[in-house]
């Protein structure tokens, strides 16, 4: 009977280790611009959009823009990163206050697999109109 309990505990332990390992492999962490540029796997990084740098190529379905580090976004020395995104541009992209990109670095820039935009609240400024 002891052998069955030991075998059962080993099986439970193996599945627990496998589950934790699988969970940790699928989590995507937030990183700084420097960490994003050196990443080996998919990461997330947030920043502001430099609206003067936006370019969309209809033929390729490619959006490129420069993202500015949120730490010092208004200074001339703010860190910048070139973002390349293939896919449908979010409809509210041109009103975004910031953007979160999920992807990997490449020699051309940061290849975004996903774009998440943060827009100003639709309720912002209602108090001023009364």
N, C-alpha and C. Protein backbone atom coordinates (compact mmCIF):
# COMPACT_ATOMS: atom_id res chain seq x y z
N UNK A 1 0.82 -1.20 0.00
CA UNK A 1 0.00 0.00 0.00
C UNK A 1 0.86 1.26 0.00
N UNK A 2 1.99 1.23 0.69
CA UNK A 2 2.89 2.39 0.71
C UNK A 2 3.41 2.71 -0.68
N UNK A 3 3.66 1.70 -1.48
CA UNK A 3 4.18 1.90 -2.84
C UNK A 3 3.17 2.68 -3.68
N UNK A 4 1.90 2.37 -3.55
CA UNK A 4 0.86 3.08 -4.32
C UNK A 4 0.79 4.55 -3.91
N UNK A 5 0.94 4.83 -2.64
CA UNK A 5 0.90 6.23 -2.16
C UNK A 5 2.12 6.99 -2.68
N UNK A 6 3.28 6.37 -2.63
CA UNK A 6 4.50 7.03 -3.12
C UNK A 6 4.40 7.30 -4.62
N UNK A 7 3.93 6.32 -5.37
CA UNK A 7 3.76 6.50 -6.82
C UNK A 7 2.74 7.60 -7.10
N UNK A 8 1.65 7.62 -6.36
CA UNK A 8 0.63 8.67 -6.52
C UNK A 8 1.20 10.05 -6.23
N UNK A 9 1.99 10.18 -5.16
CA UNK A 9 2.60 11.47 -4.82
C UNK A 9 3.60 11.91 -5.88
N UNK A 10 4.35 10.98 -6.43
CA UNK A 10 5.30 11.31 -7.48
C UNK A 10 4.56 11.81 -8.72
N UNK A 11 3.47 11.15 -9.07
CA UNK A 11 2.68 11.58 -10.23
C UNK A 11 2.11 12.98 -10.01
N UNK A 12 1.57 13.23 -8.82
CA UNK A 12 1.03 14.56 -8.50
C UNK A 12 2.14 15.61 -8.56
N UNK A 13 3.30 15.29 -8.01
CA UNK A 13 4.43 16.23 -8.02
C UNK A 13 4.89 16.53 -9.44
N UNK A 14 4.97 15.52 -10.29
CA UNK A 14 5.38 15.72 -11.68
C UNK A 14 4.39 16.65 -12.40
N UNK A 15 3.10 16.41 -12.22
CA UNK A 15 2.10 17.26 -12.86
C UNK A 15 2.13 18.68 -12.30
N UNK A 16 2.40 18.84 -11.02
CA UNK A 16 2.49 20.17 -10.42
C UNK A 16 3.68 20.94 -11.00
N UNK A 17 4.82 20.30 -11.11
CA UNK A 17 6.00 20.94 -11.69
C UNK A 17 5.74 21.28 -13.15
N UNK A 18 5.14 20.37 -13.90
CA UNK A 18 4.83 20.62 -15.30
C UNK A 18 3.87 21.79 -15.44
N UNK A 19 2.85 21.88 -14.59
CA UNK A 19 1.88 22.98 -14.64
C UNK A 19 2.52 24.32 -14.35
N UNK A 20 3.35 24.39 -13.33
CA UNK A 20 4.03 25.65 -12.99
C UNK A 20 4.97 26.07 -14.11
N UNK A 21 5.70 25.13 -14.66
CA UNK A 21 6.63 25.43 -15.76
C UNK A 21 5.86 25.94 -16.99
N UNK A 22 4.77 25.30 -17.32
CA UNK A 22 3.96 25.74 -18.47
C UNK A 22 3.41 27.13 -18.24
N UNK A 23 2.95 27.42 -17.02
CA UNK A 23 2.42 28.74 -16.70
C UNK A 23 3.49 29.82 -16.83
N UNK A 24 4.68 29.55 -16.28
CA UNK A 24 5.76 30.54 -16.34
C UNK A 24 6.23 30.78 -17.77
N UNK A 25 6.18 29.76 -18.62
CA UNK A 25 6.58 29.93 -20.02
C UNK A 25 5.60 30.78 -20.81
N UNK A 26 4.34 30.82 -20.40
CA UNK A 26 3.34 31.58 -21.15
C UNK A 26 3.15 33.00 -20.64
N UNK A 27 3.70 33.33 -19.50
CA UNK A 27 3.56 34.70 -19.00
C UNK A 27 4.48 35.62 -19.78
N UNK A 28 3.99 36.81 -20.05
CA UNK A 28 4.76 37.80 -20.79
C UNK A 28 4.95 38.99 -19.86
N UNK A 29 6.20 39.32 -19.58
CA UNK A 29 6.44 40.37 -18.60
C UNK A 29 6.63 41.74 -19.25
N UNK A 30 6.35 42.77 -18.45
CA UNK A 30 6.60 44.15 -18.87
C UNK A 30 8.08 44.45 -18.68
N UNK A 31 8.67 45.14 -19.65
CA UNK A 31 10.09 45.44 -19.59
C UNK A 31 10.34 46.90 -19.98
N UNK A 32 11.55 47.36 -19.73
CA UNK A 32 11.97 48.71 -20.14
C UNK A 32 12.34 48.68 -21.62
N UNK A 33 12.57 49.84 -22.19
CA UNK A 33 12.97 49.92 -23.59
C UNK A 33 14.28 49.14 -23.82
N UNK A 34 15.25 49.32 -22.94
CA UNK A 34 16.54 48.64 -23.09
C UNK A 34 16.37 47.13 -23.03
N UNK A 35 15.55 46.65 -22.11
CA UNK A 35 15.30 45.21 -22.00
C UNK A 35 14.55 44.69 -23.22
N UNK A 36 13.62 45.49 -23.74
CA UNK A 36 12.85 45.08 -24.93
C UNK A 36 13.77 44.94 -26.14
N UNK A 37 14.72 45.83 -26.28
CA UNK A 37 15.63 45.78 -27.43
C UNK A 37 16.56 44.57 -27.37
N UNK A 38 16.81 44.05 -26.16
CA UNK A 38 17.72 42.92 -25.99
C UNK A 38 17.00 41.60 -25.74
N UNK A 39 15.68 41.60 -25.75
CA UNK A 39 14.90 40.41 -25.39
C UNK A 39 15.10 39.28 -26.40
N UNK A 40 15.02 38.06 -25.90
CA UNK A 40 15.11 36.88 -26.75
C UNK A 40 13.75 36.26 -27.03
N UNK A 41 12.76 36.59 -26.18
CA UNK A 41 11.42 36.07 -26.38
C UNK A 41 10.41 37.21 -26.30
N UNK A 42 9.15 36.91 -26.47
CA UNK A 42 8.10 37.92 -26.50
C UNK A 42 8.01 38.66 -25.17
N UNK A 43 7.98 40.00 -25.25
CA UNK A 43 7.86 40.86 -24.07
C UNK A 43 6.84 41.95 -24.35
N UNK A 44 6.49 42.70 -23.31
CA UNK A 44 5.57 43.83 -23.43
C UNK A 44 6.29 45.09 -22.98
N UNK A 45 6.05 46.16 -23.69
CA UNK A 45 6.63 47.45 -23.32
C UNK A 45 5.60 48.54 -23.63
N UNK A 46 5.54 49.53 -22.76
CA UNK A 46 4.57 50.62 -22.93
C UNK A 46 5.29 51.92 -23.22
N UNK A 47 4.60 52.81 -23.93
CA UNK A 47 5.17 54.12 -24.24
C UNK A 47 4.14 55.02 -24.88
N UNK A 48 4.59 56.21 -25.24
CA UNK A 48 3.74 57.17 -25.94
C UNK A 48 4.04 57.10 -27.43
N UNK A 49 3.06 57.44 -28.23
CA UNK A 49 3.22 57.42 -29.68
C UNK A 49 3.73 58.78 -30.15
N UNK A 50 4.77 58.76 -30.98
CA UNK A 50 5.23 59.97 -31.65
C UNK A 50 4.39 60.09 -32.92
N UNK A 51 3.34 60.91 -32.87
CA UNK A 51 2.38 60.99 -33.98
C UNK A 51 3.00 61.53 -35.26
N UNK A 52 4.13 62.21 -35.16
CA UNK A 52 4.82 62.69 -36.36
C UNK A 52 5.56 61.60 -37.11
N UNK A 53 5.69 60.44 -36.50
CA UNK A 53 6.46 59.36 -37.12
C UNK A 53 5.60 58.24 -37.70
N UNK A 54 4.29 58.36 -37.64
CA UNK A 54 3.40 57.28 -38.08
C UNK A 54 3.41 57.14 -39.59
N UNK A 55 3.57 55.90 -40.05
CA UNK A 55 3.53 55.61 -41.48
C UNK A 55 2.80 54.28 -41.66
N UNK A 56 1.80 54.25 -42.53
CA UNK A 56 1.08 53.01 -42.80
C UNK A 56 1.19 52.68 -44.28
N UNK A 57 1.68 51.49 -44.58
CA UNK A 57 1.82 51.01 -45.95
C UNK A 57 0.63 50.10 -46.26
N UNK A 58 -0.32 50.60 -47.07
CA UNK A 58 -1.51 49.82 -47.42
C UNK A 58 -1.18 48.53 -48.16
N UNK A 59 -0.16 48.58 -49.01
CA UNK A 59 0.21 47.41 -49.80
C UNK A 59 0.65 46.24 -48.90
N UNK A 60 1.47 46.55 -47.91
CA UNK A 60 2.01 45.51 -47.02
C UNK A 60 1.15 45.32 -45.76
N UNK A 61 0.25 46.26 -45.49
CA UNK A 61 -0.51 46.20 -44.24
C UNK A 61 0.39 46.40 -43.05
N UNK A 62 1.34 47.32 -43.20
CA UNK A 62 2.39 47.52 -42.19
C UNK A 62 2.31 48.93 -41.60
N UNK A 63 2.20 48.99 -40.29
CA UNK A 63 2.21 50.26 -39.55
C UNK A 63 3.56 50.40 -38.88
N UNK A 64 4.21 51.53 -39.11
CA UNK A 64 5.46 51.82 -38.40
C UNK A 64 5.31 53.15 -37.69
N UNK A 65 5.86 53.22 -36.49
CA UNK A 65 5.85 54.46 -35.72
C UNK A 65 6.94 54.39 -34.67
N UNK A 66 7.24 55.53 -34.10
CA UNK A 66 8.22 55.60 -33.02
C UNK A 66 7.48 55.70 -31.70
N UNK A 67 7.92 54.90 -30.75
CA UNK A 67 7.34 54.93 -29.41
C UNK A 67 8.35 55.62 -28.48
N UNK A 68 7.83 56.49 -27.63
CA UNK A 68 8.67 57.27 -26.72
C UNK A 68 8.50 56.72 -25.30
N UNK A 69 9.61 56.60 -24.60
CA UNK A 69 9.60 56.08 -23.23
C UNK A 69 8.72 56.94 -22.34
N UNK A 70 7.90 56.31 -21.52
CA UNK A 70 6.95 57.02 -20.65
C UNK A 70 7.63 57.70 -19.47
N UNK A 71 8.87 57.32 -19.15
CA UNK A 71 9.55 57.91 -17.99
C UNK A 71 9.77 59.41 -18.17
N UNK A 72 10.27 59.81 -19.33
CA UNK A 72 10.53 61.22 -19.63
C UNK A 72 10.03 61.53 -21.04
N UNK A 73 8.72 61.43 -21.29
CA UNK A 73 8.23 61.54 -22.66
C UNK A 73 8.36 62.93 -23.28
N UNK A 74 8.46 63.97 -22.47
CA UNK A 74 8.47 65.33 -23.01
C UNK A 74 9.87 65.90 -23.19
N UNK A 75 10.88 65.16 -22.80
CA UNK A 75 12.24 65.67 -22.95
C UNK A 75 12.82 65.24 -24.28
N UNK A 76 13.75 66.00 -24.78
CA UNK A 76 14.40 65.68 -26.05
C UNK A 76 15.27 64.43 -25.94
N UNK A 77 15.70 64.12 -24.71
CA UNK A 77 16.57 62.96 -24.52
C UNK A 77 15.78 61.69 -24.21
N UNK A 78 14.48 61.72 -24.36
CA UNK A 78 13.66 60.53 -24.08
C UNK A 78 14.06 59.39 -25.01
N UNK A 79 14.10 58.20 -24.46
CA UNK A 79 14.45 57.03 -25.26
C UNK A 79 13.33 56.72 -26.24
N UNK A 80 13.71 56.31 -27.43
CA UNK A 80 12.75 56.03 -28.50
C UNK A 80 13.00 54.63 -29.07
N UNK A 81 11.93 54.05 -29.60
CA UNK A 81 12.04 52.73 -30.20
C UNK A 81 11.12 52.66 -31.43
N UNK A 82 11.67 52.15 -32.52
CA UNK A 82 10.91 51.99 -33.76
C UNK A 82 10.03 50.75 -33.64
N UNK A 83 8.73 50.91 -33.88
CA UNK A 83 7.76 49.81 -33.79
C UNK A 83 7.27 49.47 -35.19
N UNK A 84 7.21 48.19 -35.50
CA UNK A 84 6.71 47.70 -36.77
C UNK A 84 5.57 46.72 -36.46
N UNK A 85 4.39 47.00 -37.04
CA UNK A 85 3.22 46.17 -36.75
C UNK A 85 2.52 45.80 -38.05
N UNK A 86 2.33 44.50 -38.26
CA UNK A 86 1.59 44.00 -39.42
C UNK A 86 0.22 43.56 -38.93
N UNK A 87 -0.81 44.18 -39.46
CA UNK A 87 -2.15 43.81 -39.06
C UNK A 87 -3.09 44.99 -39.12
N UNK A 88 -4.27 44.79 -38.58
CA UNK A 88 -5.29 45.83 -38.57
C UNK A 88 -4.95 46.86 -37.50
N UNK A 89 -4.93 48.11 -37.89
CA UNK A 89 -4.65 49.19 -36.95
C UNK A 89 -5.90 49.44 -36.11
N UNK A 90 -5.74 49.50 -34.78
CA UNK A 90 -6.92 49.78 -33.94
C UNK A 90 -7.58 51.09 -34.37
N UNK A 91 -8.91 51.12 -34.38
CA UNK A 91 -9.64 52.29 -34.88
C UNK A 91 -9.37 53.55 -34.06
N UNK A 92 -9.03 53.39 -32.81
CA UNK A 92 -8.79 54.54 -31.95
C UNK A 92 -7.30 54.86 -31.80
N UNK A 93 -6.47 54.33 -32.70
CA UNK A 93 -5.02 54.54 -32.61
C UNK A 93 -4.64 56.01 -32.67
N UNK A 94 -5.31 56.78 -33.53
CA UNK A 94 -4.94 58.19 -33.71
C UNK A 94 -5.37 59.06 -32.52
N UNK A 95 -6.13 58.52 -31.57
CA UNK A 95 -6.52 59.26 -30.37
C UNK A 95 -5.84 58.73 -29.12
N UNK A 96 -4.95 57.78 -29.28
CA UNK A 96 -4.32 57.11 -28.14
C UNK A 96 -3.41 58.04 -27.35
N UNK A 97 -3.46 57.90 -26.02
CA UNK A 97 -2.54 58.65 -25.17
C UNK A 97 -1.28 57.84 -24.93
N UNK A 98 -1.39 56.52 -24.97
CA UNK A 98 -0.23 55.64 -24.84
C UNK A 98 -0.55 54.32 -25.52
N UNK A 99 0.49 53.51 -25.68
CA UNK A 99 0.32 52.23 -26.37
C UNK A 99 1.16 51.17 -25.65
N UNK A 100 0.62 49.97 -25.64
CA UNK A 100 1.34 48.82 -25.11
C UNK A 100 1.58 47.88 -26.29
N UNK A 101 2.83 47.54 -26.53
CA UNK A 101 3.16 46.64 -27.63
C UNK A 101 3.70 45.35 -27.06
N UNK A 102 3.31 44.26 -27.69
CA UNK A 102 3.76 42.93 -27.30
C UNK A 102 4.45 42.34 -28.51
N UNK A 103 5.72 41.96 -28.36
CA UNK A 103 6.44 41.41 -29.49
C UNK A 103 7.89 41.12 -29.18
N UNK A 104 8.72 41.13 -30.25
CA UNK A 104 10.14 40.80 -30.14
C UNK A 104 10.97 41.79 -30.95
N UNK A 105 12.21 42.01 -30.53
CA UNK A 105 13.07 42.91 -31.30
C UNK A 105 13.61 42.22 -32.55
N UNK A 106 13.93 43.06 -33.55
CA UNK A 106 14.58 42.57 -34.76
C UNK A 106 15.60 43.61 -35.18
N UNK A 107 16.30 43.35 -36.27
CA UNK A 107 17.30 44.31 -36.74
C UNK A 107 16.66 45.59 -37.27
N UNK A 108 15.40 45.52 -37.72
CA UNK A 108 14.70 46.69 -38.25
C UNK A 108 14.02 47.53 -37.18
N UNK A 109 13.73 46.93 -36.05
CA UNK A 109 13.00 47.59 -34.97
C UNK A 109 12.31 46.55 -34.12
N UNK A 110 11.35 46.97 -33.36
CA UNK A 110 10.60 46.06 -32.50
C UNK A 110 9.37 45.59 -33.27
N UNK A 111 9.29 44.30 -33.54
CA UNK A 111 8.17 43.74 -34.30
C UNK A 111 7.03 43.45 -33.32
N UNK A 112 5.97 44.23 -33.41
CA UNK A 112 4.83 44.07 -32.51
C UNK A 112 3.88 43.01 -33.03
N UNK A 113 3.57 42.06 -32.17
CA UNK A 113 2.58 41.04 -32.50
C UNK A 113 1.18 41.53 -32.14
N UNK A 114 1.13 42.42 -31.16
CA UNK A 114 -0.15 42.94 -30.69
C UNK A 114 0.02 44.38 -30.24
N UNK A 115 -0.98 45.21 -30.54
CA UNK A 115 -1.02 46.62 -30.11
C UNK A 115 -2.24 46.81 -29.22
N UNK A 116 -2.02 47.39 -28.07
CA UNK A 116 -3.13 47.76 -27.19
C UNK A 116 -3.01 49.25 -26.93
N UNK A 117 -4.04 50.01 -27.30
CA UNK A 117 -3.98 51.45 -27.15
C UNK A 117 -4.81 51.91 -25.96
N UNK A 118 -4.31 52.95 -25.31
CA UNK A 118 -5.04 53.56 -24.20
C UNK A 118 -5.47 54.95 -24.67
N UNK A 119 -6.76 55.17 -24.67
CA UNK A 119 -7.31 56.43 -25.13
C UNK A 119 -7.84 57.23 -23.96
N UNK A 120 -7.95 58.55 -24.14
CA UNK A 120 -8.53 59.35 -23.08
C UNK A 120 -9.98 58.94 -22.85
N UNK A 121 -10.41 59.07 -21.64
CA UNK A 121 -11.78 58.68 -21.31
C UNK A 121 -12.78 59.49 -22.10
N UNK A 122 -13.86 58.85 -22.52
CA UNK A 122 -14.89 59.57 -23.25
C UNK A 122 -15.61 60.56 -22.35
N UNK A 123 -15.40 60.41 -21.04
CA UNK A 123 -16.03 61.31 -20.09
C UNK A 123 -15.13 62.48 -19.70
N UNK A 124 -13.90 62.44 -20.15
CA UNK A 124 -12.95 63.48 -19.81
C UNK A 124 -13.40 64.82 -20.41
N UNK A 125 -13.42 65.83 -19.61
CA UNK A 125 -13.78 67.16 -20.08
C UNK A 125 -15.26 67.47 -20.05
N UNK A 126 -16.10 66.56 -19.57
CA UNK A 126 -17.53 66.83 -19.51
C UNK A 126 -17.86 67.95 -18.53
N UNK A 127 -17.08 68.04 -17.48
CA UNK A 127 -17.32 69.06 -16.46
C UNK A 127 -17.09 70.45 -17.03
N UNK A 128 -16.18 70.57 -18.01
CA UNK A 128 -15.88 71.87 -18.59
C UNK A 128 -17.02 72.38 -19.49
N UNK A 129 -17.84 71.46 -20.00
CA UNK A 129 -18.90 71.83 -20.94
C UNK A 129 -20.19 72.27 -20.26
N UNK A 130 -20.27 72.17 -18.96
CA UNK A 130 -21.52 72.52 -18.28
C UNK A 130 -21.57 73.97 -17.91
